[in-house]
Amino acid sequence: MTDSPSAISTSSAASGYDGARLTINLKNLQSNYQYFQAHAPSAEVAAVVKANAYGLGLEVIVPALTEIGCNTFFVAQMSEALLCRSLAPTSTIYCFNGYSVTDAQLYVTQAIRPCLISIQQVRAWQELSRAHGKALSAALHIDTGFNRLGVDEAELADLCDTPALFQDWTMSLVMSHLACADRPDHPMNAAQCERFRSACARLPKAPTSLANSAGTLLGSAYHGDLVRCGIGLYGGAPAGPETALEPVISVDGRILQIRSISTGETVGYGADYVAEHDHDIAIVAAGYADGYLRSAGGGAPPFTQAHILGHPVSIIGRISMDLLAVDLSHVPHDILHAIQNLDASSPMVELIGPNSRIDDVAQSAGTIAYELLTRLGNRYKRHYS
């Protein structure tokens, strides 16, 4: 008598054999938050939790940060703001993408503060405040050269020439965003800082915010009253390897099969990888459907490095939707012996983690840590520690 499909499915789900594991270290997240507090002691440290807290889970990240005193959060969209509000009932929540008339009532009832990005939005926010008979709070976003969102120089001049536009609502923050903070020596940093100072001097007095994670590391001249930290909280290096903080995520893939290949044999789609000697390979249950980018694999060195119990292994061949291959040539025999079991006690392959730093993996894939984090799939068995 054969096992029923339901029995097989239940066993597989319970054992966790069939996929990869994503571990999120909340203590390291909190430590990284405190690191920024130490670097900006005269400013409030706000957390950027847009895109589901950079893919790590808003419902877990926000409570972990409020636990250690974070009281201001930035999101991109109203849907994120509402979830954040449910998790942090008394916190200040800003929405980067500006004011949307269709969400007018939600800003009021849920105390969500838009980052106003145009003079038209300033007028609309003033009208909303008057309609509700109270001074609603919002940020004013000034563009200082990024040319993405924000009030430009011409609109700023109009605002400054029309002080009545600041009546009946509360400008709780004046903000801008640095374009090149991850390159500390870039002249645009100082130029934007000076433009921002000049703009703030012309506007009604309000708390100021210019720095992101990397900007916070540029020094006190960039801090203002509030810094907005994102990638650094989640373990990315804001401005190069020397600025890497505590790793927050680990992605570990289950080994499904070990194969022996001979010289001249190929691995994966396109037969890109050709073995130059006889060696063993491991097939790992993780792929681009799990957010491990296809561009991290390939047929020629330099190969992206993963690790097994701290020992580096090269990812070889193209990465598939659900699978990837690693070269076991340089793994010690005792570890190879442990792998042979292919059971719950077998070591997993660290694809991202303390040894396979997220910025290094991102660089191998031709991208940045932000993209890797926000592409993490939904199939992982998630662990929070």
Protein backbone atom coordinates (compact mmCIF):
# COMPACT_ATOMS: atom_id res chain seq x y z
CA MET A 1 0.00 0.00 0.00
CA THR A 2 1.45 3.38 -0.98
CA ASP A 3 1.41 6.55 1.10
CA SER A 4 -1.49 8.86 0.39
CA PRO A 5 -0.68 12.28 -1.12
CA SER A 6 -1.96 13.99 2.03
CA ALA A 7 0.35 11.94 4.24
CA ILE A 8 3.36 12.77 2.09
CA SER A 9 2.48 16.47 2.06
CA THR A 10 2.02 16.60 5.83
CA SER A 11 5.32 14.86 6.51
CA SER A 12 7.21 17.15 4.16
CA ALA A 13 5.72 20.32 5.64
CA ALA A 14 6.40 19.21 9.19
CA SER A 15 10.02 18.27 8.54
CA GLY A 16 10.92 21.42 6.61
CA TYR A 17 13.07 19.38 4.21
CA ASP A 18 11.66 20.80 1.03
CA GLY A 19 12.92 24.36 0.97
CA ALA A 20 15.12 27.11 2.29
CA ARG A 21 15.06 28.83 5.66
CA LEU A 22 15.10 32.56 6.32
CA THR A 23 16.31 33.56 9.78
CA ILE A 24 15.80 37.13 10.97
CA ASN A 25 17.85 38.20 13.96
CA LEU A 26 15.79 40.79 15.83
CA LYS A 27 18.49 41.39 18.43
CA ASN A 28 20.90 42.43 15.68
CA LEU A 29 18.20 44.65 14.20
CA GLN A 30 17.86 46.37 17.56
CA SER A 31 21.63 46.61 17.91
CA ASN A 32 21.85 48.32 14.52
CA TYR A 33 19.18 50.81 15.57
CA GLN A 34 21.19 51.61 18.69
CA TYR A 35 24.31 52.01 16.54
CA PHE A 36 22.63 54.85 14.67
CA GLN A 37 21.46 56.37 17.95
CA ALA A 38 25.09 56.48 19.04
CA HIS A 39 26.15 58.11 15.75
CA ALA A 40 23.42 60.75 15.90
CA PRO A 41 23.01 61.44 19.62
CA SER A 42 21.33 64.81 19.14
CA ALA A 43 18.77 63.55 16.61
CA GLU A 44 15.78 61.22 16.75
CA VAL A 45 16.36 57.97 14.85
CA ALA A 46 13.37 57.03 12.71
CA ALA A 47 13.01 53.68 10.96
CA VAL A 48 12.18 53.28 7.28
CA VAL A 49 9.90 50.23 7.08
CA LYS A 50 8.49 50.55 3.56
CA ALA A 51 8.21 47.50 1.27
CA ASN A 52 7.20 45.23 4.16
CA ALA A 53 10.20 46.40 6.21
CA TYR A 54 12.50 45.73 3.27
CA GLY A 55 11.00 42.26 2.89
CA LEU A 56 11.55 41.12 6.47
CA GLY A 57 7.98 41.43 7.76
CA LEU A 58 6.44 44.67 8.97
CA GLU A 59 4.39 42.84 11.59
CA VAL A 60 7.56 41.68 13.36
CA ILE A 61 10.04 44.46 12.62
CA VAL A 62 7.89 47.36 13.87
CA PRO A 63 7.21 45.83 17.33
CA ALA A 64 10.90 44.93 17.68
CA LEU A 65 11.87 48.54 17.04
CA THR A 66 9.18 50.09 19.23
CA GLU A 67 10.38 47.82 22.02
CA ILE A 68 13.68 49.71 22.15
CA GLY A 69 12.22 53.17 21.76
CA CYS A 70 11.73 53.84 18.05
CA ASN A 71 8.73 56.13 17.80
CA THR A 72 8.74 57.37 14.19
CA PHE A 73 8.32 55.25 11.06
CA PHE A 74 8.42 56.02 7.36
CA VAL A 75 6.54 54.04 4.72
CA ALA A 76 5.87 54.62 1.03
CA GLN A 77 2.15 53.89 0.63
CA MET A 78 -1.05 54.19 2.59
CA SER A 79 -1.55 50.41 2.81
CA GLU A 80 1.81 50.16 4.57
CA ALA A 81 0.94 53.10 6.80
CA LEU A 82 -2.29 51.45 7.96
CA LEU A 83 -0.56 48.19 8.85
CA CYS A 84 2.15 50.14 10.64
CA ARG A 85 -0.51 52.07 12.57
CA SER A 86 -2.12 48.82 13.73
CA LEU A 87 1.26 47.72 15.08
CA ALA A 88 2.30 51.04 16.57
CA PRO A 89 -0.88 52.83 17.74
CA THR A 90 0.90 55.82 19.30
CA SER A 91 3.86 56.23 16.93
CA THR A 92 4.37 58.93 14.32
CA ILE A 93 3.98 57.57 10.79
CA TYR A 94 5.01 59.41 7.63
CA CYS A 95 4.10 58.39 4.08
CA PHE A 96 6.85 59.20 1.55
CA ASN A 97 4.68 59.18 -1.58
CA GLY A 98 2.82 62.37 -0.75
CA TYR A 99 -0.81 63.24 -0.21
CA SER A 100 -3.59 61.38 -2.05
CA VAL A 101 -7.06 62.93 -2.05
CA THR A 102 -8.66 59.49 -2.24
CA ASP A 103 -7.15 58.65 1.16
CA ALA A 104 -8.10 61.98 2.78
CA GLN A 105 -10.17 60.49 5.59
CA LEU A 106 -7.54 57.90 6.46
CA TYR A 107 -4.90 60.57 7.07
CA VAL A 108 -7.27 62.12 9.58
CA THR A 109 -8.73 59.07 11.32
CA GLN A 110 -5.45 57.11 11.43
CA ALA A 111 -3.14 60.09 12.07
CA ILE A 112 -0.97 59.39 9.04
CA ARG A 113 1.33 62.24 8.00
CA PRO A 114 2.02 62.65 4.27
CA CYS A 115 5.31 64.03 2.99
CA LEU A 116 3.94 66.83 0.82
CA ILE A 117 5.80 66.96 -2.50
CA SER A 118 4.27 69.94 -4.32
CA ILE A 119 2.65 73.30 -3.70
CA GLN A 120 -0.65 71.78 -4.89
CA GLN A 121 -0.41 69.18 -2.12
CA VAL A 122 0.32 71.91 0.43
CA ARG A 123 -2.87 73.70 -0.64
CA ALA A 124 -4.87 70.47 -0.50
CA TRP A 125 -3.55 69.63 2.96
CA GLN A 126 -4.40 73.11 4.18
CA GLU A 127 -7.95 72.70 2.86
CA LEU A 128 -8.28 69.31 4.56
CA SER A 129 -7.14 70.80 7.87
CA ARG A 130 -9.66 73.62 7.57
CA ALA A 131 -12.44 71.20 6.66
CA HIS A 132 -11.79 69.23 9.85
CA GLY A 133 -11.21 72.28 12.00
CA LYS A 134 -7.81 71.20 13.28
CA ALA A 135 -4.18 71.69 12.35
CA LEU A 136 -3.22 68.36 10.77
CA SER A 137 0.49 67.47 10.76
CA ALA A 138 2.51 66.77 7.60
CA ALA A 139 6.09 66.90 6.38
CA LEU A 140 7.27 69.15 3.59
CA HIS A 141 9.65 67.41 1.18
CA ILE A 142 12.15 69.75 -0.50
CA ASP A 143 14.07 68.56 -3.55
CA THR A 144 17.72 69.60 -3.23
CA GLY A 145 19.06 68.04 -6.41
CA PHE A 146 17.91 64.43 -6.36
CA ASN A 147 15.16 65.23 -8.89
CA ARG A 148 12.84 62.51 -7.71
CA LEU A 149 10.14 63.71 -5.30
CA GLY A 150 9.80 67.07 -3.61
CA VAL A 151 9.13 70.78 -3.96
CA ASP A 152 11.52 72.24 -6.52
CA GLU A 153 13.28 75.61 -6.33
CA ALA A 154 10.55 77.52 -8.16
CA GLU A 155 7.78 76.10 -5.96
CA LEU A 156 9.87 76.73 -2.86
CA ALA A 157 10.15 80.40 -3.83
CA ASP A 158 6.36 80.57 -4.25
CA LEU A 159 5.83 78.93 -0.87
CA CYS A 160 8.21 81.31 0.85
CA ASP A 161 6.50 84.28 -0.79
CA THR A 162 3.07 83.09 0.41
CA PRO A 163 3.25 82.63 4.19
CA ALA A 164 -0.53 82.19 4.32
CA LEU A 165 -0.03 78.69 2.87
CA PHE A 166 1.43 77.59 6.20
CA GLN A 167 -1.62 78.59 8.19
CA ASP A 168 -4.12 76.13 9.69
CA TRP A 169 -1.86 73.06 9.41
CA THR A 170 1.29 71.95 11.20
CA MET A 171 4.55 71.48 9.32
CA SER A 172 5.94 68.82 11.65
CA LEU A 173 9.03 68.15 9.53
CA VAL A 174 11.03 69.62 6.64
CA MET A 175 12.92 66.93 4.79
CA SER A 176 15.05 66.17 1.77
CA HIS A 177 16.93 63.13 0.49
CA LEU A 178 20.62 62.66 -0.32
CA ALA A 179 21.51 61.21 -3.71
CA CYS A 180 25.13 60.15 -3.06
CA ALA A 181 25.46 59.59 0.68
CA ASP A 182 26.86 56.10 0.07
CA ARG A 183 29.90 57.85 -1.47
CA PRO A 184 31.15 60.06 1.38
CA ASP A 185 33.54 62.08 -0.79
CA HIS A 186 30.99 62.92 -3.48
CA PRO A 187 30.63 66.71 -3.80
CA MET A 188 26.85 66.42 -4.13
CA ASN A 189 26.56 65.61 -0.43
CA ALA A 190 27.86 68.98 0.68
CA ALA A 191 25.94 70.75 -2.09
CA GLN A 192 22.63 69.19 -1.05
CA CYS A 193 23.33 69.88 2.61
CA GLU A 194 23.89 73.56 1.85
CA ARG A 195 20.77 73.79 -0.33
CA PHE A 196 18.74 72.17 2.41
CA ARG A 197 20.05 74.57 5.05
CA SER A 198 19.24 77.50 2.79
CA ALA A 199 15.70 76.21 2.16
CA CYS A 200 15.04 75.64 5.86
CA ALA A 201 16.21 79.16 6.67
CA ARG A 202 13.55 80.57 4.33
CA LEU A 203 10.71 78.43 5.64
CA PRO A 204 8.79 78.62 8.91
CA LYS A 205 10.77 76.94 11.66
CA ALA A 206 10.22 73.18 11.92
CA PRO A 207 12.22 70.03 12.76
CA THR A 208 14.55 68.98 9.93
CA SER A 209 15.55 65.66 8.35
CA LEU A 210 18.11 65.08 5.60
CA ALA A 211 20.08 61.92 6.38
CA ASN A 212 19.36 58.32 5.47
CA SER A 213 21.51 55.45 6.84
CA ALA A 214 24.58 56.50 4.88
CA GLY A 215 23.92 60.18 5.51
CA THR A 216 23.87 59.54 9.24
CA LEU A 217 27.46 58.33 8.98
CA LEU A 218 28.53 61.54 7.22
CA GLY A 219 28.55 63.43 10.51
CA SER A 220 26.54 65.83 12.62
CA ALA A 221 26.26 68.45 9.84
CA TYR A 222 23.80 66.10 8.12
CA HIS A 223 21.78 64.95 11.12
CA GLY A 224 19.30 67.74 11.74
CA ASP A 225 16.55 66.81 14.18
CA LEU A 226 15.72 63.39 12.75
CA VAL A 227 17.59 60.77 10.71
CA ARG A 228 15.78 58.16 8.62
CA CYS A 229 17.54 54.80 8.73
CA GLY A 230 16.67 51.94 6.40
CA ILE A 231 19.25 49.59 4.87
CA GLY A 232 21.64 49.89 7.79
CA LEU A 233 18.99 48.63 10.20
CA TYR A 234 18.60 45.46 8.16
CA GLY A 235 22.30 44.59 8.03
CA GLY A 236 23.33 46.21 4.76
CA ALA A 237 26.49 48.30 4.45
CA PRO A 238 25.26 51.89 3.96
CA ALA A 239 28.51 53.19 2.47
CA GLY A 240 30.89 50.37 1.58
CA PRO A 241 32.14 47.19 3.32
CA GLU A 242 33.71 49.08 6.21
CA THR A 243 30.28 50.36 7.23
CA ALA A 244 28.64 46.92 7.41
CA LEU A 245 26.52 46.50 10.52
CA GLU A 246 25.35 43.38 12.32
CA PRO A 247 23.85 40.87 9.86
CA VAL A 248 20.11 40.62 10.35
CA ILE A 249 19.15 37.90 7.87
CA SER A 250 20.45 34.46 7.06
CA VAL A 251 19.20 32.44 4.10
CA ASP A 252 20.03 28.74 4.30
CA GLY A 253 19.20 26.20 1.61
CA ARG A 254 18.49 22.53 2.14
CA ILE A 255 20.70 20.13 0.18
CA LEU A 256 18.44 17.83 -1.83
CA GLN A 257 20.99 15.73 -3.68
CA ILE A 258 24.73 15.22 -4.09
CA ARG A 259 26.05 14.35 -7.53
CA SER A 260 29.47 13.39 -8.84
CA ILE A 261 30.39 14.97 -12.17
CA SER A 262 33.33 14.26 -14.42
CA THR A 263 35.68 16.53 -16.33
CA GLY A 264 33.86 18.08 -19.27
CA GLU A 265 30.36 17.59 -17.87
CA THR A 266 28.09 20.61 -17.54
CA VAL A 267 25.75 21.91 -14.85
CA GLY A 268 22.46 23.71 -15.28
CA TYR A 269 20.54 25.47 -18.03
CA GLY A 270 22.53 26.52 -21.04
CA ALA A 271 25.42 24.23 -20.04
CA ASP A 272 27.31 27.36 -19.02
CA TYR A 273 29.42 25.66 -16.36
CA VAL A 274 31.87 23.04 -17.63
CA ALA A 275 33.75 20.96 -15.04
CA GLU A 276 37.51 21.27 -15.30
CA HIS A 277 38.03 18.24 -13.03
CA ASP A 278 36.06 15.45 -11.39
CA HIS A 279 34.20 16.69 -8.33
CA ASP A 280 31.04 16.50 -6.28
CA ILE A 281 28.27 19.07 -6.37
CA ALA A 282 25.27 19.69 -4.14
CA ILE A 283 21.84 20.63 -5.45
CA VAL A 284 20.23 23.13 -3.09
CA ALA A 285 16.53 23.95 -2.63
CA ALA A 286 16.62 27.70 -3.35
CA GLY A 287 16.33 29.72 -6.54
CA TYR A 288 15.14 32.93 -8.06
CA ALA A 289 11.54 32.24 -6.95
CA ASP A 290 12.94 32.65 -3.45
CA GLY A 291 14.60 35.95 -4.34
CA TYR A 292 18.08 34.51 -4.86
CA LEU A 293 18.71 36.31 -8.12
CA ARG A 294 19.42 34.40 -11.31
CA SER A 295 22.26 36.80 -12.06
CA ALA A 296 24.16 35.47 -9.02
CA GLY A 297 24.94 32.30 -10.96
CA GLY A 298 26.96 31.71 -14.11
CA GLY A 299 29.45 29.63 -15.97
CA ALA A 300 32.75 31.34 -15.29
CA PRO A 301 34.62 32.78 -12.31
CA PRO A 302 34.39 34.77 -10.15
CA PHE A 303 31.64 32.62 -8.68
CA THR A 304 29.27 33.80 -5.97
CA GLN A 305 30.34 32.32 -2.66
CA ALA A 306 28.07 30.42 -0.30
CA HIS A 307 29.20 28.58 2.85
CA ILE A 308 28.73 25.21 4.52
CA LEU A 309 29.61 25.33 8.21
CA GLY A 310 31.81 28.33 7.49
CA HIS A 311 33.63 26.76 4.54
CA PRO A 312 33.26 28.64 1.23
CA VAL A 313 31.63 26.86 -1.70
CA SER A 314 31.10 28.31 -5.17
CA ILE A 315 27.66 28.57 -6.74
CA ILE A 316 28.08 27.09 -10.21
CA GLY A 317 25.84 27.07 -13.28
CA ARG A 318 22.72 29.09 -13.81
CA ILE A 319 20.36 29.52 -10.90
CA SER A 320 16.97 27.95 -11.58
CA MET A 321 13.55 28.90 -10.28
CA ASP A 322 13.75 26.51 -7.33
CA LEU A 323 17.30 25.13 -7.35
CA LEU A 324 20.97 26.02 -7.52
CA ALA A 325 24.22 24.04 -7.48
CA VAL A 326 27.36 24.44 -5.39
CA ASP A 327 30.84 22.99 -5.90
CA LEU A 328 31.93 20.75 -3.01
CA SER A 329 35.55 20.40 -4.17
CA HIS A 330 37.05 22.25 -1.21
CA VAL A 331 34.75 21.05 1.57
CA PRO A 332 36.56 18.97 4.23
CA HIS A 333 35.85 15.23 4.24
CA ASP A 334 34.19 15.22 7.66
CA ILE A 335 31.67 17.80 6.49
CA LEU A 336 31.09 15.88 3.26
CA HIS A 337 30.38 12.83 5.36
CA ALA A 338 27.83 14.81 7.41
CA ILE A 339 26.16 16.05 4.24
CA GLN A 340 25.77 12.54 2.87
CA ASN A 341 22.97 11.81 5.34
CA LEU A 342 20.62 14.29 3.63
CA ASP A 343 18.37 14.37 6.66
CA ALA A 344 17.33 16.94 9.22
CA SER A 345 20.76 16.81 10.88
CA SER A 346 22.63 17.60 7.66
CA PRO A 347 24.23 21.06 7.49
CA MET A 348 22.49 23.56 5.26
CA VAL A 349 24.13 25.86 2.74
CA GLU A 350 24.40 29.46 3.93
CA LEU A 351 23.46 31.55 0.90
CA ILE A 352 23.24 34.86 2.79
CA GLY A 353 24.45 35.35 6.33
CA PRO A 354 27.42 36.11 8.57
CA ASN A 355 29.87 34.50 6.13
CA SER A 356 28.02 35.24 2.87
CA ARG A 357 27.35 38.94 3.53
CA ILE A 358 24.32 40.33 1.75
CA ASP A 359 26.29 43.13 0.10
CA ASP A 360 28.82 40.63 -1.30
CA VAL A 361 26.06 38.44 -2.72
CA ALA A 362 24.36 41.50 -4.19
CA GLN A 363 27.58 42.65 -5.82
CA SER A 364 28.06 39.20 -7.35
CA ALA A 365 24.55 39.46 -8.78
CA GLY A 366 25.20 42.93 -10.17
CA THR A 367 22.75 44.64 -7.83
CA ILE A 368 22.44 46.08 -4.33
CA ALA A 369 21.39 44.71 -0.95
CA TYR A 370 18.10 46.63 -1.13
CA GLU A 371 16.95 44.58 -4.11
CA LEU A 372 17.93 41.26 -2.56
CA LEU A 373 16.07 42.06 0.64
CA THR A 374 12.89 43.25 -1.02
CA ARG A 375 12.80 40.25 -3.38
CA LEU A 376 12.81 37.64 -0.64
CA GLY A 377 10.09 35.17 -1.56
CA ASN A 378 7.16 33.82 0.42
CA ARG A 379 8.25 30.18 0.42
CA TYR A 380 10.86 30.42 3.13
CA LYS A 381 10.39 28.78 6.45
CA ARG A 382 10.88 31.95 8.50
CA HIS A 383 12.51 32.01 11.93
CA TYR A 384 12.74 35.11 14.12
CA SER A 385 15.35 35.15 16.86
